[in-house]
Amino acid sequence: MHIYFSGIGGAGIGPLAQIAHAAGYTVSGSDKQDSSYIQYLRDHGISDIHIGQSREAIAAAHAQQPIDWFVYTSALPLENPNAPELAFCADEQIKTSKRDELLNAILQDKNLKLLAIAGTHGKTTTTALTVWLFKELGLPISYALPAKTSFAEMGFYDPASQYFVYEADEFDRNFLAFEPAVSLITGVSWDHHELFPTREDYKAAFHEFIEQSKQTFIWQEDADYLGLEAVTGLSVLDSGQQQINDIALLGRFNRLDAWLAIQAVHQASGESIAKLLEIASRFPGLSRRMEQIIPNLYSDYAHTPEKIRGAMSVATEMAAEAGQKVVVVYEPLTNRRQHYMIDDYGDCFDGASKLYWIPSYLAREDAQQRVIPPAELIEHLHDPSIGVAMERDDELKKTIQEHLDAGDMVVCMAGGGGGSLDDWLRAKFLK
């Protein structure tokens, strides 16, 4: 079967493409821009990738080998309901779907139990930690990882595995397409406002997801926020559990994510909590989660208040150990998010000695919304005096270098994909 993936360089689609490739399907695809993820896929055997999502490109792929299934990123019809690839598939009567339908087909075909990680923040780290625990125990596991790591492929299928570990994103209600055997809820706070217009809409989606899951692990704070009642299959965890502090990972949020992963793997494997604590403490991390670009310069995927607080908890602990100041460069993800988040930034950057705020990374925007400039967003911090509005240009590079020369720790936070602050950093500072 030939599967064509549109948006193949995305964190959701890319790993699934790699899984399909590993399972023996013919895989090709496209993306609107080149990126490090695209190169990663090429390096791992998926070479038929076209940059530019045109009718001509998909027609050429179809002519070379007929496409049986077209899998597209949720962003494709949102950005252009008449996208050329979708129009071509309609004309050629090619099966089309989002990633969830293909993944469910693979789960059913391979008789795999889904271990799903959902939540507003911490999903990717928890997913990676779960995979790390399985692999270090020597247990067969299949998974999709939306970030690169030193210990695992981004997507992998093991025919001997019983479980498939998956980051079940609430964007476009993706997570509601599944009925997991085990679910982990990393944290819940209103996000994806264009899809969930009210907080109650967002909460309702999580209620539905939990009802579809046979077993769910969730923090007491989130159970209270959602107004959950005690039911069979719901395990409510205490974030004050003393053993959480025994996990030797920097950052309170990382330790909480690890404790969630430990609960799931303990249930799935029967391995002792003590052994899993030791393994979790050796977790090597993953890309764009406090990833060092060069000494003292880090990239992190933080782009919501909770993610930012999580990144700051790691950064301040690291800086305290080294006797450094923390300097932050922040590129918000999408302007539309800022209209909802503007009053939630508050104390997010507490602990930073300086904050350089650059214009938002634009994607899937509402053309009717005014673009909020950095200077205005800074005014909504509890301490606006730490903030400086800047552009992503040579002056910013010079400013970052001056802080590095002074021995400061510089953390660059950005949620965008290709062409984001993260890509710019690598281009400017990696020789």
Protein backbone atom coordinates (compact mmCIF):
# COMPACT_ATOMS: atom_id res chain seq x y z
CA MET A 1 0.00 0.00 0.00
CA HIS A 2 1.24 3.46 -0.95
CA ILE A 3 0.53 6.14 1.67
CA TYR A 4 1.14 9.79 0.86
CA PHE A 5 1.57 12.07 3.89
CA SER A 6 0.85 15.78 3.53
CA GLY A 7 2.64 17.86 6.16
CA ILE A 8 5.14 15.05 6.60
CA GLY A 9 7.59 17.34 8.40
CA GLY A 10 5.16 17.97 11.26
CA ALA A 11 5.58 16.53 14.73
CA GLY A 12 2.34 14.56 14.41
CA ILE A 13 2.58 13.30 10.84
CA GLY A 14 6.33 12.64 10.58
CA PRO A 15 6.58 9.88 13.20
CA LEU A 16 3.49 8.17 11.78
CA ALA A 17 5.10 8.19 8.34
CA GLN A 18 8.17 6.55 9.84
CA ILE A 19 6.02 3.88 11.52
CA ALA A 20 4.25 3.16 8.22
CA HIS A 21 7.66 2.89 6.52
CA ALA A 22 8.90 0.47 9.21
CA ALA A 23 5.72 -1.60 8.86
CA GLY A 24 6.46 -2.15 5.18
CA TYR A 25 4.21 0.38 3.46
CA THR A 26 5.42 2.55 0.60
CA VAL A 27 5.68 6.10 1.96
CA SER A 28 5.94 9.44 0.21
CA GLY A 29 4.84 12.93 1.13
CA SER A 30 5.08 16.68 1.01
CA ASP A 31 5.48 19.74 3.19
CA LYS A 32 5.25 23.45 2.55
CA GLN A 33 8.82 24.04 3.77
CA ASP A 34 12.03 22.16 4.40
CA SER A 35 13.15 21.56 7.98
CA SER A 36 15.41 19.50 10.21
CA TYR A 37 12.53 17.01 10.61
CA ILE A 38 12.35 16.56 6.84
CA GLN A 39 16.07 15.84 6.76
CA TYR A 40 15.64 13.39 9.64
CA LEU A 41 13.05 11.44 7.64
CA ARG A 42 15.27 11.42 4.57
CA ASP A 43 18.15 10.13 6.67
CA HIS A 44 15.88 7.33 7.88
CA GLY A 45 14.85 6.00 4.50
CA ILE A 46 11.90 8.19 3.46
CA SER A 47 13.43 9.93 0.46
CA ASP A 48 10.37 10.68 -1.68
CA ILE A 49 9.44 14.03 -0.08
CA HIS A 50 8.46 17.09 -2.09
CA ILE A 51 8.77 20.64 -0.73
CA GLY A 52 5.66 22.49 -1.85
CA GLN A 53 2.16 21.04 -1.64
CA SER A 54 1.18 21.23 -5.29
CA ARG A 55 -1.13 19.25 -7.53
CA GLU A 56 1.78 18.57 -9.88
CA ALA A 57 3.91 16.97 -7.15
CA ILE A 58 1.24 14.59 -5.85
CA ALA A 59 0.22 13.74 -9.42
CA ALA A 60 3.83 12.75 -10.17
CA ALA A 61 3.96 10.54 -7.07
CA HIS A 62 0.65 8.95 -8.05
CA ALA A 63 1.89 8.33 -11.59
CA GLN A 64 5.01 6.61 -10.28
CA GLN A 65 2.98 4.33 -7.98
CA PRO A 66 -0.76 4.78 -7.41
CA ILE A 67 -1.52 6.32 -4.02
CA ASP A 68 -3.88 4.21 -1.92
CA TRP A 69 -4.27 6.48 1.09
CA PHE A 70 -3.70 10.23 1.47
CA VAL A 71 -3.05 11.24 5.11
CA TYR A 72 -3.01 14.94 5.83
CA THR A 73 -2.13 17.25 8.68
CA SER A 74 -5.09 18.95 10.37
CA ALA A 75 -3.63 22.30 9.33
CA LEU A 76 -4.09 21.60 5.60
CA PRO A 77 -7.86 22.17 5.26
CA LEU A 78 -7.78 24.86 7.95
CA GLU A 79 -5.31 26.89 5.91
CA ASN A 80 -6.93 26.11 2.55
CA PRO A 81 -10.15 24.06 2.23
CA ASN A 82 -9.45 23.88 -1.51
CA ALA A 83 -5.85 22.70 -1.13
CA PRO A 84 -4.50 21.33 -4.44
CA GLU A 85 -3.59 17.94 -2.92
CA LEU A 86 -7.08 17.46 -1.50
CA ALA A 87 -8.63 18.43 -4.83
CA PHE A 88 -6.40 15.96 -6.68
CA CYS A 89 -7.33 13.11 -4.34
CA ALA A 90 -11.03 13.93 -4.74
CA ASP A 91 -10.68 13.86 -8.52
CA GLU A 92 -8.78 10.55 -8.43
CA GLN A 93 -11.05 9.03 -5.74
CA ILE A 94 -8.11 8.37 -3.44
CA LYS A 95 -8.94 7.55 0.18
CA THR A 96 -8.20 10.56 2.39
CA SER A 97 -8.11 10.98 6.17
CA LYS A 98 -6.32 12.66 9.03
CA ARG A 99 -3.66 10.73 10.94
CA ASP A 100 -6.03 9.30 13.56
CA GLU A 101 -7.83 7.00 11.12
CA LEU A 102 -4.57 5.51 9.82
CA LEU A 103 -3.21 5.00 13.33
CA ASN A 104 -6.40 3.28 14.45
CA ALA A 105 -6.11 0.98 11.43
CA ILE A 106 -2.52 0.10 12.38
CA LEU A 107 -3.52 -0.51 16.03
CA GLN A 108 -6.30 -2.84 14.97
CA ASP A 109 -4.25 -4.62 12.32
CA LYS A 110 -1.33 -5.23 14.69
CA ASN A 111 -3.49 -5.90 17.79
CA LEU A 112 -1.80 -3.17 19.84
CA LYS A 113 -3.05 -1.58 23.07
CA LEU A 114 -2.88 2.21 23.02
CA LEU A 115 -1.05 3.99 25.83
CA ALA A 116 -2.00 7.60 25.22
CA ILE A 117 -0.51 10.76 26.71
CA ALA A 118 -2.81 13.79 26.63
CA GLY A 119 -2.86 17.23 28.23
CA THR A 120 -2.19 20.89 27.55
CA HIS A 121 1.49 20.72 28.47
CA GLY A 122 4.15 18.10 29.15
CA LYS A 123 2.85 15.56 26.62
CA THR A 124 6.01 15.16 24.58
CA THR A 125 8.33 14.83 27.57
CA THR A 126 6.00 12.30 29.21
CA THR A 127 5.72 10.34 25.96
CA ALA A 128 9.51 10.23 25.62
CA LEU A 129 9.92 9.22 29.28
CA THR A 130 7.43 6.38 28.82
CA VAL A 131 9.31 5.08 25.79
CA TRP A 132 12.62 5.45 27.68
CA LEU A 133 11.32 3.33 30.58
CA PHE A 134 10.09 0.54 28.29
CA LYS A 135 13.33 0.48 26.32
CA GLU A 136 15.56 0.50 29.41
CA LEU A 137 13.57 -2.43 30.80
CA GLY A 138 14.23 -4.28 27.54
CA LEU A 139 10.51 -4.60 26.78
CA PRO A 140 9.30 -4.46 23.15
CA ILE A 141 7.40 -1.25 22.47
CA SER A 142 5.96 0.57 19.47
CA TYR A 143 5.57 4.33 19.56
CA ALA A 144 5.38 7.71 17.87
CA LEU A 145 7.64 10.41 19.29
CA PRO A 146 7.03 14.00 18.13
CA ALA A 147 10.60 15.03 19.00
CA LYS A 148 14.07 13.68 18.34
CA THR A 149 15.94 11.83 21.09
CA SER A 150 19.29 10.12 21.50
CA PHE A 151 17.71 6.79 22.45
CA ALA A 152 14.83 6.21 20.04
CA GLU A 153 13.59 6.79 16.52
CA MET A 154 10.73 9.27 16.13
CA GLY A 155 8.47 6.47 14.99
CA PHE A 156 8.93 2.73 15.54
CA TYR A 157 6.94 -0.47 15.17
CA ASP A 158 8.01 -3.66 16.98
CA PRO A 159 5.93 -6.72 15.99
CA ALA A 160 6.59 -8.22 19.45
CA SER A 161 5.10 -5.27 21.31
CA GLN A 162 1.78 -5.21 23.18
CA TYR A 163 1.57 -1.42 23.62
CA PHE A 164 1.76 1.57 21.31
CA VAL A 165 2.79 4.81 23.05
CA TYR A 166 1.25 7.90 21.48
CA GLU A 167 0.97 11.62 22.20
CA ALA A 168 -2.77 12.20 21.83
CA ASP A 169 -3.10 15.87 20.98
CA GLU A 170 -6.30 17.79 21.61
CA PHE A 171 -5.69 19.96 18.52
CA ASP A 172 -8.51 19.36 16.01
CA ARG A 173 -9.91 16.94 18.63
CA ASN A 174 -7.41 14.31 17.50
CA PHE A 175 -7.40 12.57 20.89
CA LEU A 176 -11.13 11.90 20.73
CA ALA A 177 -10.61 9.46 17.85
CA PHE A 178 -9.10 6.87 20.20
CA GLU A 179 -10.14 4.46 22.94
CA PRO A 180 -6.90 3.98 24.89
CA ALA A 181 -6.16 1.06 27.19
CA VAL A 182 -4.23 3.51 29.39
CA SER A 183 -4.25 7.30 29.36
CA LEU A 184 -2.03 9.79 31.14
CA ILE A 185 -3.27 13.37 31.60
CA THR A 186 -0.26 15.63 32.09
CA GLY A 187 -2.14 18.83 32.89
CA VAL A 188 -5.23 20.71 31.74
CA SER A 189 -5.57 24.43 31.02
CA TRP A 190 -7.52 26.07 28.21
CA ASP A 191 -5.76 26.05 24.82
CA HIS A 192 -6.52 25.82 21.09
CA HIS A 193 -9.13 28.52 21.51
CA GLU A 194 -10.08 28.56 17.84
CA LEU A 195 -11.36 24.98 18.24
CA PHE A 196 -12.62 25.23 21.83
CA PRO A 197 -14.25 28.69 22.09
CA THR A 198 -14.81 28.42 25.87
CA ARG A 199 -13.07 26.81 28.80
CA GLU A 200 -16.11 24.58 29.24
CA ASP A 201 -15.75 23.31 25.66
CA TYR A 202 -12.15 22.38 26.40
CA LYS A 203 -13.06 20.65 29.67
CA ALA A 204 -15.86 18.73 27.96
CA ALA A 205 -13.40 17.31 25.42
CA PHE A 206 -11.20 15.96 28.23
CA HIS A 207 -14.24 14.46 29.94
CA GLU A 208 -15.04 12.62 26.72
CA PHE A 209 -11.45 11.42 26.31
CA ILE A 210 -11.34 10.07 29.86
CA GLU A 211 -14.68 8.29 29.37
CA GLN A 212 -13.23 6.59 26.27
CA SER A 213 -10.15 5.39 28.19
CA LYS A 214 -10.17 2.13 30.15
CA GLN A 215 -7.63 3.43 32.68
CA THR A 216 -6.64 7.06 33.31
CA PHE A 217 -3.95 8.57 35.53
CA ILE A 218 -4.51 12.23 36.37
CA TRP A 219 -3.28 14.75 38.96
CA GLN A 220 -5.64 15.74 41.76
CA GLU A 221 -5.43 19.39 40.67
CA ASP A 222 -6.60 18.52 37.16
CA ALA A 223 -9.31 16.17 38.41
CA ASP A 224 -10.62 19.07 40.52
CA TYR A 225 -10.38 21.51 37.59
CA LEU A 226 -12.39 19.13 35.41
CA GLY A 227 -14.84 18.32 38.19
CA LEU A 228 -14.27 14.57 37.87
CA GLU A 229 -16.04 12.10 40.11
CA ALA A 230 -14.47 8.88 41.39
CA VAL A 231 -15.18 6.11 38.88
CA THR A 232 -13.69 2.74 38.00
CA GLY A 233 -10.51 3.13 35.99
CA LEU A 234 -9.69 6.65 37.23
CA SER A 235 -6.49 6.93 39.28
CA VAL A 236 -6.02 10.36 40.86
CA LEU A 237 -2.42 11.14 41.82
CA ASP A 238 -1.05 13.39 44.55
CA SER A 239 1.52 15.86 43.17
CA GLY A 240 2.90 16.14 46.71
CA GLN A 241 3.90 12.46 46.77
CA GLN A 242 7.35 12.34 48.40
CA GLN A 243 8.78 9.82 45.91
CA ILE A 244 8.45 12.41 43.13
CA ASN A 245 11.34 14.30 44.73
CA ASP A 246 13.49 11.14 44.48
CA ILE A 247 13.57 11.49 40.69
CA ALA A 248 16.93 13.05 39.84
CA LEU A 249 15.72 15.27 36.99
CA LEU A 250 16.01 19.03 36.90
CA GLY A 251 12.72 20.91 36.96
CA ARG A 252 9.63 20.24 39.05
CA PHE A 253 7.51 19.75 35.92
CA ASN A 254 9.92 17.15 34.52
CA ARG A 255 9.73 15.20 37.77
CA LEU A 256 5.93 15.26 37.63
CA ASP A 257 5.97 14.05 34.02
CA ALA A 258 8.32 11.23 35.02
CA TRP A 259 6.04 10.14 37.87
CA LEU A 260 3.11 9.86 35.43
CA ALA A 261 5.19 7.74 33.05
CA ILE A 262 6.30 5.54 35.95
CA GLN A 263 2.67 4.82 36.88
CA ALA A 264 1.83 3.66 33.36
CA VAL A 265 4.90 1.47 32.91
CA HIS A 266 4.54 0.01 36.42
CA GLN A 267 1.01 -1.09 35.53
CA ALA A 268 1.97 -2.40 32.08
CA SER A 269 5.13 -4.24 33.13
CA GLY A 270 4.76 -5.03 36.83
CA GLU A 271 8.26 -3.60 37.40
CA SER A 272 8.88 -2.09 40.85
CA ILE A 273 8.47 1.64 41.43
CA ALA A 274 11.99 1.72 42.91
CA LYS A 275 13.50 0.35 39.69
CA LEU A 276 11.48 2.73 37.53
CA LEU A 277 12.54 5.71 39.67
CA GLU A 278 16.17 4.82 39.04
CA ILE A 279 15.61 4.50 35.27
CA ALA A 280 13.63 7.74 35.05
CA SER A 281 16.44 9.57 36.86
CA ARG A 282 18.75 8.66 33.95
CA PHE A 283 16.44 10.09 31.28
CA PRO A 284 18.69 11.88 28.74
CA GLY A 285 16.11 14.39 27.52
CA LEU A 286 14.89 15.22 24.03
CA SER A 287 15.25 17.85 21.35
CA ARG A 288 13.88 21.36 21.90
CA ARG A 289 13.30 20.68 25.59
CA MET A 290 16.13 22.64 27.17
CA GLU A 291 18.34 21.42 24.33
CA GLN A 292 21.82 22.90 24.30
CA ILE A 293 22.66 24.49 20.93
CA ILE A 294 26.12 25.67 22.02
CA PRO A 295 27.45 26.10 25.58
CA ASN A 296 25.00 28.21 27.63
CA LEU A 297 22.56 28.65 24.72
CA TYR A 298 19.41 26.52 24.90
CA SER A 299 16.29 25.95 22.81
CA ASP A 300 12.94 25.02 24.34
CA TYR A 301 9.48 24.40 22.86
CA ALA A 302 7.66 26.42 25.54
CA HIS A 303 4.85 28.55 24.10
CA THR A 304 1.98 28.54 26.62
CA PRO A 305 2.05 29.85 30.20
CA GLU A 306 2.28 26.34 31.68
CA LYS A 307 5.01 25.28 29.25
CA ILE A 308 6.92 28.46 29.97
CA ARG A 309 6.70 27.90 33.73
CA GLY A 310 7.93 24.35 33.17
CA ALA A 311 10.90 25.53 31.12
CA MET A 312 11.70 28.22 33.69
CA SER A 313 11.66 25.64 36.50
CA VAL A 314 14.37 23.67 34.69
CA ALA A 315 16.36 26.76 33.65
CA THR A 316 16.44 28.31 37.12
CA GLU A 317 17.59 25.04 38.71
CA MET A 318 20.32 24.66 36.08
CA ALA A 319 21.43 28.28 36.46
CA ALA A 320 21.43 28.09 40.25
CA GLU A 321 23.80 25.12 40.13
CA ALA A 322 26.15 27.03 37.81
CA GLY A 323 25.79 30.44 39.51
CA GLN A 324 24.40 32.03 36.32
CA LYS A 325 21.73 34.55 35.39
CA VAL A 326 18.85 33.33 33.20
CA VAL A 327 18.14 35.34 30.05
CA VAL A 328 15.11 34.45 27.90
CA VAL A 329 14.34 35.07 24.23
CA TYR A 330 10.66 34.37 23.53
CA GLU A 331 8.83 33.90 20.24
CA PRO A 332 5.09 33.28 20.83
CA LEU A 333 3.36 30.65 18.70
CA THR A 334 0.58 32.28 16.63
CA ASN A 335 -0.98 35.69 17.07
CA ARG A 336 -4.47 34.25 17.63
CA ARG A 337 -3.27 32.51 20.81
CA GLN A 338 -2.05 35.82 22.19
CA HIS A 339 -5.55 37.30 22.15
CA TYR A 340 -6.59 34.63 24.67
CA MET A 341 -3.31 34.31 26.60
CA ILE A 342 -2.36 37.96 27.02
CA ASP A 343 -3.57 38.16 30.63
CA ASP A 344 -2.14 34.75 31.58
CA TYR A 345 1.55 35.55 31.16
CA GLY A 346 1.80 37.28 34.55
CA ASP A 347 4.55 35.50 36.47
CA CYS A 348 5.57 33.09 33.66
CA PHE A 349 9.08 34.47 33.29
CA ASP A 350 9.80 34.94 37.00
CA GLY A 351 13.45 34.07 37.58
CA ALA A 352 14.68 35.66 34.34
CA SER A 353 16.99 38.63 34.67
CA LYS A 354 16.13 39.77 31.13
CA LEU A 355 13.47 38.85 28.57
CA TYR A 356 13.76 39.63 24.86
CA TRP A 357 10.31 39.30 23.28
CA ILE A 358 10.17 39.00 19.49
CA PRO A 359 7.14 38.97 17.11
CA SER A 360 4.86 35.94 17.10
CA TYR A 361 5.40 33.03 14.72
CA LEU A 362 2.37 33.24 12.44
CA ALA A 363 0.40 30.14 11.37
CA ARG A 364 -3.29 29.45 10.70
CA GLU A 365 -4.15 33.04 11.68
CA ASP A 366 -7.49 34.81 11.78
CA ALA A 367 -7.11 37.64 9.27
CA GLN A 368 -9.62 39.72 11.25
CA GLN A 369 -7.46 39.75 14.40
CA ARG A 370 -5.04 42.59 15.05
CA VAL A 371 -1.44 41.40 15.37
CA ILE A 372 -0.37 42.19 18.94
CA PRO A 373 3.18 43.62 19.06
CA PRO A 374 5.76 42.39 21.60
CA ALA A 375 5.82 45.70 23.52
CA GLU A 376 2.10 45.40 24.26
CA LEU A 377 2.40 41.77 25.38
CA ILE A 378 5.27 42.66 27.70
CA GLU A 379 3.03 45.13 29.53
CA HIS A 380 0.94 42.21 30.77
CA LEU A 381 3.80 40.73 32.80
CA HIS A 382 3.78 41.26 36.55
CA ASP A 383 7.22 42.83 36.09
CA PRO A 384 7.33 44.45 32.63
CA SER A 385 10.71 46.02 33.42
CA ILE A 386 12.52 42.77 32.53
CA GLY A 387 11.11 42.80 28.98
CA VAL A 388 12.59 44.30 25.82
CA ALA A 389 10.81 44.16 22.45
CA MET A 390 13.16 43.07 19.66
CA GLU A 391 13.16 41.66 16.15
CA ARG A 392 14.74 38.40 15.03
CA ASP A 393 17.72 40.03 13.33
CA ASP A 394 21.45 40.68 13.61
CA GLU A 395 20.88 42.95 16.60
CA LEU A 396 19.27 40.04 18.46
CA LYS A 397 22.16 37.78 17.54
CA LYS A 398 24.59 40.40 18.88
CA THR A 399 22.59 40.73 22.11
CA ILE A 400 22.53 36.97 22.66
CA GLN A 401 26.28 36.77 22.04
CA GLU A 402 26.92 39.54 24.57
CA HIS A 403 25.02 37.59 27.22
CA LEU A 404 26.91 34.41 26.35
CA ASP A 405 30.22 36.29 26.61
CA ALA A 406 29.13 37.52 30.05
CA GLY A 407 28.57 33.92 31.18
CA ASP A 408 24.76 34.08 31.27
CA MET A 409 22.45 31.19 30.47
CA VAL A 410 20.31 32.10 27.43
CA VAL A 411 17.09 30.13 26.91
CA CYS A 412 15.23 30.64 23.64
CA MET A 413 11.57 29.60 23.78
CA ALA A 414 9.58 29.05 20.59
CA GLY A 415 6.83 26.70 19.52
CA GLY A 416 6.97 27.19 15.77
CA GLY A 417 8.23 24.72 13.20
CA GLY A 418 10.24 25.50 10.06
CA GLY A 419 11.48 29.08 9.97
CA SER A 420 11.00 29.58 13.70
CA LEU A 421 13.36 31.05 16.28
CA ASP A 422 14.74 27.53 16.80
CA ASP A 423 15.76 27.24 13.14
CA TRP A 424 17.23 30.76 13.24
CA LEU A 425 19.34 29.90 16.30
CA ARG A 426 20.83 26.85 14.67
CA ALA A 427 21.61 28.79 11.49
CA LYS A 428 23.24 31.69 13.36
CA PHE A 429 25.13 29.91 16.14
CA LEU A 430 26.03 26.43 14.86
CA LYS A 431 29.18 26.59 12.78
